[in-house]
Amino acid sequence: MLAAFEDQNRCRIEVTFSRWTTAEQPDLSVVAKAWERDADRRVAKPLGFTNVIWRAERLKTLEGLITFLLYQLDFQLAENEFATKAPKRA
């Protein structure tokens, strides 16, 4: 799923999991970033960024989590694409 998304959007996806605590319960904070394929991540800005707390979104599976993150990134990538293609107003 990640590879297909990367191929379709000509980008690289980075997913980072961090242990978190929500209401004294173990939880995960998950960050997904979309980068240009050959971007130097030390200086480049990501094309898209999303962060989710597992329990807050009531996600049940890892596949559901990845799908949710990719939908969020896809929306941001589309917004950026339309913003760069929109005609400039005078």
N, C-alpha and C. Protein backbone atom coordinates (compact mmCIF):
# COMPACT_ATOMS: atom_id res chain seq x y z
N MET A 1 0.82 -1.18 0.00
CA MET A 1 0.00 0.00 0.00
C MET A 1 0.88 1.26 0.00
N LEU A 2 1.90 1.28 0.85
CA LEU A 2 2.81 2.43 0.89
C LEU A 2 3.55 2.60 -0.42
N ALA A 3 4.03 1.50 -0.98
CA ALA A 3 4.78 1.57 -2.24
C ALA A 3 3.90 2.09 -3.37
N ALA A 4 2.66 1.64 -3.43
CA ALA A 4 1.74 2.12 -4.47
C ALA A 4 1.47 3.61 -4.31
N PHE A 5 1.31 4.06 -3.07
CA PHE A 5 1.08 5.49 -2.81
C PHE A 5 2.29 6.30 -3.25
N GLU A 6 3.48 5.82 -2.91
CA GLU A 6 4.71 6.52 -3.30
C GLU A 6 4.83 6.60 -4.82
N ASP A 7 4.56 5.50 -5.50
CA ASP A 7 4.66 5.48 -6.96
C ASP A 7 3.64 6.44 -7.58
N GLN A 8 2.41 6.39 -7.10
CA GLN A 8 1.34 7.23 -7.66
C GLN A 8 1.62 8.72 -7.45
N ASN A 9 2.17 9.08 -6.29
CA ASN A 9 2.38 10.48 -5.93
C ASN A 9 3.82 10.95 -6.12
N ARG A 10 4.67 10.07 -6.64
CA ARG A 10 6.08 10.41 -6.88
C ARG A 10 6.72 11.06 -5.65
N CYS A 11 6.63 10.33 -4.53
CA CYS A 11 7.18 10.83 -3.27
C CYS A 11 7.69 9.66 -2.44
N ARG A 12 8.24 9.96 -1.30
CA ARG A 12 8.65 8.94 -0.33
C ARG A 12 7.89 9.20 0.96
N ILE A 13 7.42 8.13 1.59
CA ILE A 13 6.66 8.24 2.83
C ILE A 13 7.53 7.78 3.99
N GLU A 14 7.50 8.56 5.05
CA GLU A 14 8.21 8.22 6.28
C GLU A 14 7.16 8.12 7.38
N VAL A 15 7.13 6.99 8.09
CA VAL A 15 6.18 6.79 9.18
C VAL A 15 6.98 6.53 10.45
N THR A 16 6.66 7.30 11.50
CA THR A 16 7.38 7.19 12.77
C THR A 16 6.39 6.89 13.89
N PHE A 17 6.68 5.86 14.66
CA PHE A 17 5.85 5.48 15.80
C PHE A 17 6.56 5.90 17.09
N SER A 18 5.81 6.49 18.02
CA SER A 18 6.35 6.86 19.33
C SER A 18 5.40 6.38 20.41
N ARG A 19 5.98 5.88 21.48
CA ARG A 19 5.14 5.48 22.62
C ARG A 19 4.57 6.74 23.25
N TRP A 20 3.34 6.64 23.71
CA TRP A 20 2.62 7.79 24.23
C TRP A 20 1.74 7.30 25.37
N THR A 21 1.25 8.18 26.19
CA THR A 21 0.30 7.82 27.24
C THR A 21 -0.92 8.72 27.11
N THR A 22 -2.09 8.11 27.06
CA THR A 22 -3.35 8.85 27.00
C THR A 22 -4.21 8.39 28.15
N ALA A 23 -4.58 9.32 29.02
CA ALA A 23 -5.41 8.98 30.18
C ALA A 23 -4.80 7.81 30.95
N GLU A 24 -3.50 7.86 31.12
CA GLU A 24 -2.74 6.84 31.85
C GLU A 24 -2.79 5.46 31.20
N GLN A 25 -3.14 5.40 29.92
CA GLN A 25 -3.15 4.16 29.16
C GLN A 25 -2.06 4.22 28.09
N PRO A 26 -1.39 3.10 27.83
CA PRO A 26 -0.38 3.09 26.78
C PRO A 26 -1.03 3.41 25.42
N ASP A 27 -0.32 4.16 24.63
CA ASP A 27 -0.86 4.59 23.35
C ASP A 27 0.29 4.79 22.38
N LEU A 28 -0.05 5.07 21.12
CA LEU A 28 0.96 5.36 20.10
C LEU A 28 0.66 6.70 19.45
N SER A 29 1.71 7.47 19.26
CA SER A 29 1.65 8.67 18.43
C SER A 29 2.33 8.29 17.12
N VAL A 30 1.65 8.51 16.01
CA VAL A 30 2.19 8.10 14.72
C VAL A 30 2.23 9.31 13.80
N VAL A 31 3.41 9.57 13.25
CA VAL A 31 3.63 10.69 12.34
C VAL A 31 3.94 10.14 10.96
N ALA A 32 3.31 10.71 9.95
CA ALA A 32 3.61 10.36 8.57
C ALA A 32 3.98 11.63 7.82
N LYS A 33 5.05 11.54 7.04
CA LYS A 33 5.50 12.66 6.23
C LYS A 33 5.71 12.18 4.80
N ALA A 34 5.36 13.04 3.86
CA ALA A 34 5.62 12.78 2.45
C ALA A 34 6.74 13.71 2.01
N TRP A 35 7.75 13.14 1.34
CA TRP A 35 8.92 13.90 0.90
C TRP A 35 9.09 13.74 -0.61
N GLU A 36 9.69 14.74 -1.22
CA GLU A 36 10.12 14.54 -2.60
C GLU A 36 11.08 13.37 -2.61
N ARG A 37 11.11 12.63 -3.70
CA ARG A 37 11.91 11.39 -3.73
C ARG A 37 13.37 11.58 -3.37
N ASP A 38 14.00 12.59 -3.89
CA ASP A 38 15.43 12.78 -3.65
C ASP A 38 15.72 13.92 -2.70
N ALA A 39 14.77 14.29 -1.87
CA ALA A 39 14.93 15.43 -0.96
C ALA A 39 15.97 15.14 0.10
N ASP A 40 16.76 16.16 0.41
CA ASP A 40 17.67 16.11 1.55
C ASP A 40 16.84 16.50 2.77
N ARG A 41 16.44 15.55 3.58
CA ARG A 41 15.51 15.79 4.68
C ARG A 41 16.07 16.70 5.76
N ARG A 42 17.36 16.96 5.73
CA ARG A 42 17.93 17.86 6.72
C ARG A 42 17.58 19.31 6.42
N VAL A 43 17.29 19.63 5.15
CA VAL A 43 17.00 21.02 4.77
C VAL A 43 15.65 21.19 4.07
N ALA A 44 15.09 20.15 3.52
CA ALA A 44 13.84 20.25 2.77
C ALA A 44 12.63 20.25 3.70
N LYS A 45 11.54 20.84 3.23
CA LYS A 45 10.27 20.77 3.94
C LYS A 45 9.48 19.60 3.37
N PRO A 46 8.74 18.89 4.23
CA PRO A 46 7.93 17.79 3.71
C PRO A 46 6.80 18.32 2.82
N LEU A 47 6.38 17.50 1.87
CA LEU A 47 5.26 17.85 1.01
C LEU A 47 3.94 17.73 1.77
N GLY A 48 3.92 16.87 2.77
CA GLY A 48 2.74 16.66 3.60
C GLY A 48 3.15 16.11 4.95
N PHE A 49 2.33 16.37 5.96
CA PHE A 49 2.63 15.94 7.33
C PHE A 49 1.32 15.67 8.04
N THR A 50 1.25 14.55 8.73
CA THR A 50 0.08 14.27 9.57
C THR A 50 0.51 13.50 10.81
N ASN A 51 -0.22 13.72 11.89
CA ASN A 51 0.09 13.09 13.17
C ASN A 51 -1.22 12.56 13.73
N VAL A 52 -1.19 11.35 14.25
CA VAL A 52 -2.39 10.76 14.82
C VAL A 52 -2.05 10.05 16.13
N ILE A 53 -2.96 10.16 17.07
CA ILE A 53 -2.87 9.39 18.31
C ILE A 53 -3.82 8.20 18.15
N TRP A 54 -3.29 7.01 18.27
CA TRP A 54 -4.02 5.77 17.99
C TRP A 54 -5.38 5.72 18.70
N ARG A 55 -5.40 5.90 20.01
CA ARG A 55 -6.66 5.78 20.76
C ARG A 55 -7.65 6.90 20.42
N ALA A 56 -7.16 8.10 20.16
CA ALA A 56 -8.04 9.23 19.86
C ALA A 56 -8.85 8.97 18.58
N GLU A 57 -8.25 8.30 17.62
CA GLU A 57 -8.93 8.01 16.35
C GLU A 57 -9.66 6.68 16.39
N ARG A 58 -9.53 5.94 17.49
CA ARG A 58 -10.22 4.65 17.66
C ARG A 58 -9.91 3.67 16.53
N LEU A 59 -8.67 3.67 16.12
CA LEU A 59 -8.24 2.76 15.06
C LEU A 59 -8.06 1.35 15.63
N LYS A 60 -8.39 0.36 14.84
CA LYS A 60 -8.35 -1.03 15.33
C LYS A 60 -7.17 -1.82 14.79
N THR A 61 -6.72 -1.49 13.58
CA THR A 61 -5.66 -2.29 12.96
C THR A 61 -4.56 -1.39 12.43
N LEU A 62 -3.41 -1.98 12.23
CA LEU A 62 -2.30 -1.25 11.63
C LEU A 62 -2.64 -0.83 10.20
N GLU A 63 -3.32 -1.69 9.47
CA GLU A 63 -3.74 -1.35 8.11
C GLU A 63 -4.69 -0.15 8.11
N GLY A 64 -5.60 -0.11 9.08
CA GLY A 64 -6.50 1.03 9.21
C GLY A 64 -5.75 2.31 9.52
N LEU A 65 -4.75 2.20 10.37
CA LEU A 65 -3.92 3.36 10.71
C LEU A 65 -3.18 3.89 9.49
N ILE A 66 -2.53 3.01 8.75
CA ILE A 66 -1.78 3.43 7.56
C ILE A 66 -2.73 4.03 6.52
N THR A 67 -3.89 3.42 6.33
CA THR A 67 -4.87 3.94 5.38
C THR A 67 -5.31 5.34 5.79
N PHE A 68 -5.60 5.53 7.07
CA PHE A 68 -6.00 6.85 7.58
C PHE A 68 -4.91 7.89 7.31
N LEU A 69 -3.67 7.54 7.62
CA LEU A 69 -2.55 8.46 7.40
C LEU A 69 -2.39 8.81 5.91
N LEU A 70 -2.52 7.81 5.05
CA LEU A 70 -2.36 8.05 3.62
C LEU A 70 -3.48 8.93 3.07
N TYR A 71 -4.70 8.76 3.55
CA TYR A 71 -5.79 9.66 3.14
C TYR A 71 -5.48 11.09 3.54
N GLN A 72 -4.97 11.27 4.74
CA GLN A 72 -4.62 12.62 5.20
C GLN A 72 -3.53 13.23 4.32
N LEU A 73 -2.50 12.45 4.04
CA LEU A 73 -1.40 12.94 3.19
C LEU A 73 -1.88 13.20 1.77
N ASP A 74 -2.72 12.33 1.24
CA ASP A 74 -3.22 12.50 -0.12
C ASP A 74 -3.97 13.82 -0.26
N PHE A 75 -4.77 14.16 0.73
CA PHE A 75 -5.50 15.42 0.71
C PHE A 75 -4.53 16.60 0.69
N GLN A 76 -3.50 16.55 1.53
CA GLN A 76 -2.52 17.64 1.57
C GLN A 76 -1.76 17.75 0.25
N LEU A 77 -1.36 16.63 -0.31
CA LEU A 77 -0.64 16.65 -1.59
C LEU A 77 -1.52 17.25 -2.69
N ALA A 78 -2.79 16.89 -2.71
CA ALA A 78 -3.71 17.45 -3.71
C ALA A 78 -3.88 18.95 -3.51
N GLU A 79 -4.03 19.39 -2.26
CA GLU A 79 -4.14 20.82 -1.98
C GLU A 79 -2.91 21.57 -2.49
N ASN A 80 -1.73 21.04 -2.22
CA ASN A 80 -0.49 21.68 -2.67
C ASN A 80 -0.40 21.70 -4.19
N GLU A 81 -0.82 20.62 -4.82
CA GLU A 81 -0.76 20.55 -6.28
C GLU A 81 -1.69 21.58 -6.91
N PHE A 82 -2.92 21.69 -6.39
CA PHE A 82 -3.86 22.66 -6.94
C PHE A 82 -3.42 24.08 -6.65
N ALA A 83 -2.79 24.32 -5.51
CA ALA A 83 -2.32 25.66 -5.17
C ALA A 83 -1.21 26.11 -6.13
N THR A 84 -0.35 25.20 -6.54
CA THR A 84 0.74 25.58 -7.44
C THR A 84 0.27 25.71 -8.88
N LYS A 85 -0.85 25.07 -9.24
CA LYS A 85 -1.35 25.14 -10.60
C LYS A 85 -2.41 26.23 -10.78
N ALA A 86 -2.92 26.78 -9.68
CA ALA A 86 -3.97 27.79 -9.78
C ALA A 86 -3.40 29.07 -10.37
N PRO A 87 -4.18 29.74 -11.24
CA PRO A 87 -3.69 31.00 -11.82
C PRO A 87 -3.54 32.06 -10.73
N LYS A 88 -2.52 32.88 -10.89
CA LYS A 88 -2.26 33.96 -9.93
C LYS A 88 -3.28 35.08 -10.15
N ARG A 89 -3.81 35.60 -9.05
CA ARG A 89 -4.76 36.72 -9.14
C ARG A 89 -4.00 38.02 -9.06
N ALA A 90 -4.47 39.00 -9.81
CA ALA A 90 -3.81 40.31 -9.84
C ALA A 90 -4.19 41.16 -8.66
